[in-house]
Each structure stands twice: as structure tokens, then as C-alpha cells.
Amino acid sequence: MLPDILTLLMASKLPQEGLSEHIETALVAHDDADIVGSAALELYGSAALLRSVAVAPDFQGQGLGHQLTRAAIDLARQHKVSQLYLLTETASDFFPKFGFYTIDRAQVPSPVKNSLEFTTLCPDSALVMTLPILSQ
């Protein structure tokens, strides 16, 4: 499963590094035997980082990204996460549909801020968004 997700992320120009450490909280969408969508969580106590939300080009516009994001939010809720964070350069119009809003990097808790996504993989120009989820 991991190699197929990494291939999808590479094709989507999203970071692949660090996903293997969080594969147990990765979600996928299949078309027969092919992985055509993904989303994953990095859990940091009561906070989590939503990452690797990707849909193969031939399957975009069919609601898979919406379903995967909703499933990731539900998974975070099951893990008793109270605040979900993400970084994006290309999907700042997509995530507000779920209640995410932009915040300053300084507002992100240290465990999330110290993740590979924040420290190395995503540029400082990436928007930081958050979603409080236990109150939903």
C-alpha cells in the first residue's frame, strides 16, 4: 500500500517523506486494485496534522477528496484529537468547505510545528489552516 500512496503523492507534487511513520492513520480510495486517493493523519496527542490529501487526476471532480477529508476528520475524532492542522499551497479554497480556517504558524503547538511537514517539507509560504473538531 505504501509504495502506491507514495507514487500518488509524487504525481500530485506532495511530500512523500515521513508518511511511512504514520501509515497506520492513512486512508485510501481504490479503483479495483489501484489506489486513486489518499489522506493521512500525523497524531500528536490532542493535535493532529492532516497530510497527503491527494486524488489521481482521472478521478478528480468526483467527490473523492471530499470523502477522504471527511473520513480523516472522523478518524481524528476517534483518536480524541481536538485540533486538526494542515499546510497547503494549492488547496486553500478546498479546506474551508470543512470548516478549516487560516492561522499564523505561531499558533501551532510545538509537536505539530516540529513535524517534518512544518520544519522541512513544506515551504514557509504554505498556508497554515486549522479545524477544531471535538466541538463539532
C-alpha atoms as a PDB file:
ATOM      1  CA  MET A   1       0.000   0.000   0.000  1.00  0.00           C
ATOM      2  CA  LEU A   2       2.726   2.500   0.938  1.00  0.00           C
ATOM      3  CA  PRO A   3       4.514   2.422  -2.456  1.00  0.00           C
ATOM      4  CA  ASP A   4       1.222   3.137  -4.252  1.00  0.00           C
ATOM      5  CA  ILE A   5       0.425   6.065  -1.953  1.00  0.00           C
ATOM      6  CA  LEU A   6       3.931   7.457  -2.438  1.00  0.00           C
ATOM      7  CA  THR A   7       3.515   7.233  -6.225  1.00  0.00           C
ATOM      8  CA  LEU A   8       0.217   9.127  -5.984  1.00  0.00           C
ATOM      9  CA  LEU A   9       1.779  11.794  -3.767  1.00  0.00           C
ATOM     10  CA  MET A  10       4.715  12.201  -6.142  1.00  0.00           C
ATOM     11  CA  ALA A  11       2.347  12.621  -9.097  1.00  0.00           C
ATOM     12  CA  SER A  12       0.396  15.189  -7.044  1.00  0.00           C
ATOM     13  CA  LYS A  13       3.605  17.062  -6.148  1.00  0.00           C
ATOM     14  CA  LEU A  14       3.028  16.453  -2.431  1.00  0.00           C
ATOM     15  CA  PRO A  15       5.672  15.430   0.128  1.00  0.00           C
ATOM     16  CA  GLN A  16       6.268  11.715   0.492  1.00  0.00           C
ATOM     17  CA  GLU A  17       8.809  11.838   3.313  1.00  0.00           C
ATOM     18  CA  GLY A  18       7.589  10.903   6.755  1.00  0.00           C
ATOM     19  CA  LEU A  19       4.430   9.147   5.606  1.00  0.00           C
ATOM     20  CA  SER A  20       5.782   5.692   6.445  1.00  0.00           C
ATOM     21  CA  GLU A  21       5.879   6.659  10.133  1.00  0.00           C
ATOM     22  CA  HIS A  22       2.143   7.445  10.003  1.00  0.00           C
ATOM     23  CA  ILE A  23       0.885   4.742   7.652  1.00  0.00           C
ATOM     24  CA  GLU A  24      -1.442   3.356  10.358  1.00  0.00           C
ATOM     25  CA  THR A  25      -3.533   6.527  10.055  1.00  0.00           C
ATOM     26  CA  ALA A  26      -3.505   6.642   6.250  1.00  0.00           C
ATOM     27  CA  LEU A  27      -6.753   6.349   4.335  1.00  0.00           C
ATOM     28  CA  VAL A  28      -7.043   5.354   0.698  1.00  0.00           C
ATOM     29  CA  ALA A  29      -9.634   5.229  -2.070  1.00  0.00           C
ATOM     30  CA  HIS A  30      -9.443   2.331  -4.517  1.00  0.00           C
ATOM     31  CA  ASP A  31     -10.498   1.738  -8.095  1.00  0.00           C
ATOM     32  CA  ASP A  32     -10.255  -2.019  -8.344  1.00  0.00           C
ATOM     33  CA  ALA A  33      -6.673  -2.729  -7.215  1.00  0.00           C
ATOM     34  CA  ASP A  34      -5.391   0.804  -7.834  1.00  0.00           C
ATOM     35  CA  ILE A  35      -5.069   3.461  -5.140  1.00  0.00           C
ATOM     36  CA  VAL A  36      -6.628   6.621  -6.579  1.00  0.00           C
ATOM     37  CA  GLY A  37      -6.862   8.781  -3.463  1.00  0.00           C
ATOM     38  CA  SER A  38      -5.231   9.261  -0.089  1.00  0.00           C
ATOM     39  CA  ALA A  39      -5.296  11.225   3.144  1.00  0.00           C
ATOM     40  CA  ALA A  40      -3.304  10.703   6.327  1.00  0.00           C
ATOM     41  CA  LEU A  41      -3.011  11.975   9.876  1.00  0.00           C
ATOM     42  CA  GLU A  42       0.055  12.574  11.978  1.00  0.00           C
ATOM     43  CA  LEU A  43      -1.129  12.267  15.583  1.00  0.00           C
ATOM     44  CA  TYR A  44       0.426  14.465  18.275  1.00  0.00           C
ATOM     45  CA  GLY A  45      -1.680  13.928  21.394  1.00  0.00           C
ATOM     46  CA  SER A  46      -4.753  16.162  21.221  1.00  0.00           C
ATOM     47  CA  ALA A  47      -3.492  17.743  17.986  1.00  0.00           C
ATOM     48  CA  ALA A  48      -3.018  16.197  14.562  1.00  0.00           C
ATOM     49  CA  LEU A  49      -1.675  17.149  11.169  1.00  0.00           C
ATOM     50  CA  LEU A  50      -3.773  16.326   8.112  1.00  0.00           C
ATOM     51  CA  ARG A  51      -1.444  15.491   5.230  1.00  0.00           C
ATOM     52  CA  SER A  52      -1.233  13.679   1.925  1.00  0.00           C
ATOM     53  CA  VAL A  53      -4.728  14.531   0.682  1.00  0.00           C
ATOM     54  CA  ALA A  54      -4.459  13.593  -2.980  1.00  0.00           C
ATOM     55  CA  VAL A  55      -6.676  12.270  -5.766  1.00  0.00           C
ATOM     56  CA  ALA A  56      -5.432  10.845  -9.063  1.00  0.00           C
ATOM     57  CA  PRO A  57      -6.177  13.201 -11.982  1.00  0.00           C
ATOM     58  CA  ASP A  58      -8.618  10.811 -13.696  1.00  0.00           C
ATOM     59  CA  PHE A  59     -10.702  10.667 -10.507  1.00  0.00           C
ATOM     60  CA  GLN A  60     -10.768  14.343  -9.564  1.00  0.00           C
ATOM     61  CA  GLY A  61     -14.109  16.122  -9.508  1.00  0.00           C
ATOM     62  CA  GLN A  62     -15.971  13.029  -8.295  1.00  0.00           C
ATOM     63  CA  GLY A  63     -16.011  13.851  -4.593  1.00  0.00           C
ATOM     64  CA  LEU A  64     -13.159  11.554  -3.540  1.00  0.00           C
ATOM     65  CA  GLY A  65     -11.153  14.381  -1.980  1.00  0.00           C
ATOM     66  CA  HIS A  66     -14.232  15.409  -0.018  1.00  0.00           C
ATOM     67  CA  GLN A  67     -14.866  11.839   1.173  1.00  0.00           C
ATOM     68  CA  LEU A  68     -11.235  11.304   2.167  1.00  0.00           C
ATOM     69  CA  THR A  69     -11.060  14.604   4.045  1.00  0.00           C
ATOM     70  CA  ARG A  70     -14.309  13.876   5.883  1.00  0.00           C
ATOM     71  CA  ALA A  71     -13.041  10.369   6.748  1.00  0.00           C
ATOM     72  CA  ALA A  72      -9.755  11.828   8.043  1.00  0.00           C
ATOM     73  CA  ILE A  73     -11.665  14.286  10.244  1.00  0.00           C
ATOM     74  CA  ASP A  74     -13.755  11.393  11.575  1.00  0.00           C
ATOM     75  CA  LEU A  75     -10.587   9.375  12.230  1.00  0.00           C
ATOM     76  CA  ALA A  76      -9.088  12.312  14.135  1.00  0.00           C
ATOM     77  CA  ARG A  77     -12.264  12.488  16.216  1.00  0.00           C
ATOM     78  CA  GLN A  78     -11.961   8.748  17.002  1.00  0.00           C
ATOM     79  CA  HIS A  79      -8.424   9.415  18.248  1.00  0.00           C
ATOM     80  CA  LYS A  80      -9.761  12.167  20.558  1.00  0.00           C
ATOM     81  CA  VAL A  81      -7.991  14.917  18.595  1.00  0.00           C
ATOM     82  CA  SER A  82      -9.338  18.349  19.486  1.00  0.00           C
ATOM     83  CA  GLN A  83      -7.490  20.428  16.886  1.00  0.00           C
ATOM     84  CA  LEU A  84      -6.514  19.465  13.355  1.00  0.00           C
ATOM     85  CA  TYR A  85      -3.864  21.375  11.361  1.00  0.00           C
ATOM     86  CA  LEU A  86      -2.689  21.332   7.762  1.00  0.00           C
ATOM     87  CA  LEU A  87      -0.324  23.101   5.394  1.00  0.00           C
ATOM     88  CA  THR A  88      -1.319  23.917   1.825  1.00  0.00           C
ATOM     89  CA  GLU A  89      -0.023  25.810  -1.153  1.00  0.00           C
ATOM     90  CA  THR A  90      -2.710  24.768  -3.616  1.00  0.00           C
ATOM     91  CA  ALA A  91      -5.931  23.889  -1.769  1.00  0.00           C
ATOM     92  CA  SER A  92      -6.728  26.974   0.299  1.00  0.00           C
ATOM     93  CA  ASP A  93     -10.195  27.103  -1.310  1.00  0.00           C
ATOM     94  CA  PHE A  94     -10.923  23.402  -0.703  1.00  0.00           C
ATOM     95  CA  PHE A  95     -10.395  23.001   3.035  1.00  0.00           C
ATOM     96  CA  PRO A  96     -12.642  25.862   4.257  1.00  0.00           C
ATOM     97  CA  LYS A  97     -15.580  23.749   2.996  1.00  0.00           C
ATOM     98  CA  PHE A  98     -14.933  21.564   6.051  1.00  0.00           C
ATOM     99  CA  GLY A  99     -14.551  24.463   8.484  1.00  0.00           C
ATOM    100  CA  PHE A 100     -10.772  24.921   8.245  1.00  0.00           C
ATOM    101  CA  TYR A 101      -9.533  28.490   8.548  1.00  0.00           C
ATOM    102  CA  THR A 102      -6.139  30.152   8.162  1.00  0.00           C
ATOM    103  CA  ILE A 103      -3.983  30.852  11.212  1.00  0.00           C
ATOM    104  CA  ASP A 104      -0.471  32.099  11.856  1.00  0.00           C
ATOM    105  CA  ARG A 105       2.284  29.498  12.243  1.00  0.00           C
ATOM    106  CA  ALA A 106       2.991  30.842  15.727  1.00  0.00           C
ATOM    107  CA  GLN A 107      -0.410  29.479  16.849  1.00  0.00           C
ATOM    108  CA  VAL A 108       0.510  25.880  16.015  1.00  0.00           C
ATOM    109  CA  PRO A 109       1.506  23.734  19.024  1.00  0.00           C
ATOM    110  CA  SER A 110       5.149  22.662  19.187  1.00  0.00           C
ATOM    111  CA  PRO A 111       4.648  18.935  18.498  1.00  0.00           C
ATOM    112  CA  VAL A 112       2.940  19.732  15.186  1.00  0.00           C
ATOM    113  CA  LYS A 113       5.285  22.617  14.418  1.00  0.00           C
ATOM    114  CA  ASN A 114       8.243  20.248  14.897  1.00  0.00           C
ATOM    115  CA  SER A 115       6.918  17.751  12.327  1.00  0.00           C
ATOM    116  CA  LEU A 116       8.768  17.165   9.059  1.00  0.00           C
ATOM    117  CA  GLU A 117       5.949  18.866   7.171  1.00  0.00           C
ATOM    118  CA  PHE A 118       6.486  22.099   9.109  1.00  0.00           C
ATOM    119  CA  THR A 119      10.262  22.019   9.518  1.00  0.00           C
ATOM    120  CA  THR A 120      11.459  20.670   6.191  1.00  0.00           C
ATOM    121  CA  LEU A 121       8.932  19.519   3.622  1.00  0.00           C
ATOM    122  CA  CYS A 122       6.615  22.491   3.130  1.00  0.00           C
ATOM    123  CA  PRO A 123       7.874  25.996   2.403  1.00  0.00           C
ATOM    124  CA  ASP A 124       7.307  28.875   4.789  1.00  0.00           C
ATOM    125  CA  SER A 125       4.956  30.322   2.171  1.00  0.00           C
ATOM    126  CA  ALA A 126       2.463  27.455   2.688  1.00  0.00           C
ATOM    127  CA  LEU A 127      -0.756  28.488   4.407  1.00  0.00           C
ATOM    128  CA  VAL A 128      -1.453  27.007   7.823  1.00  0.00           C
ATOM    129  CA  MET A 129      -5.065  26.054   8.436  1.00  0.00           C
ATOM    130  CA  THR A 130      -6.805  24.575  11.448  1.00  0.00           C
ATOM    131  CA  LEU A 131     -10.079  22.962  12.416  1.00  0.00           C
ATOM    132  CA  PRO A 132     -11.384  22.451  15.958  1.00  0.00           C
ATOM    133  CA  ILE A 133     -13.041  19.048  15.769  1.00  0.00           C
ATOM    134  CA  LEU A 134     -14.255  17.840  19.159  1.00  0.00           C
ATOM    135  CA  SER A 135     -16.699  20.728  19.308  1.00  0.00           C
ATOM    136  CA  GLN A 136     -18.329  19.734  16.012  1.00  0.00           C
END
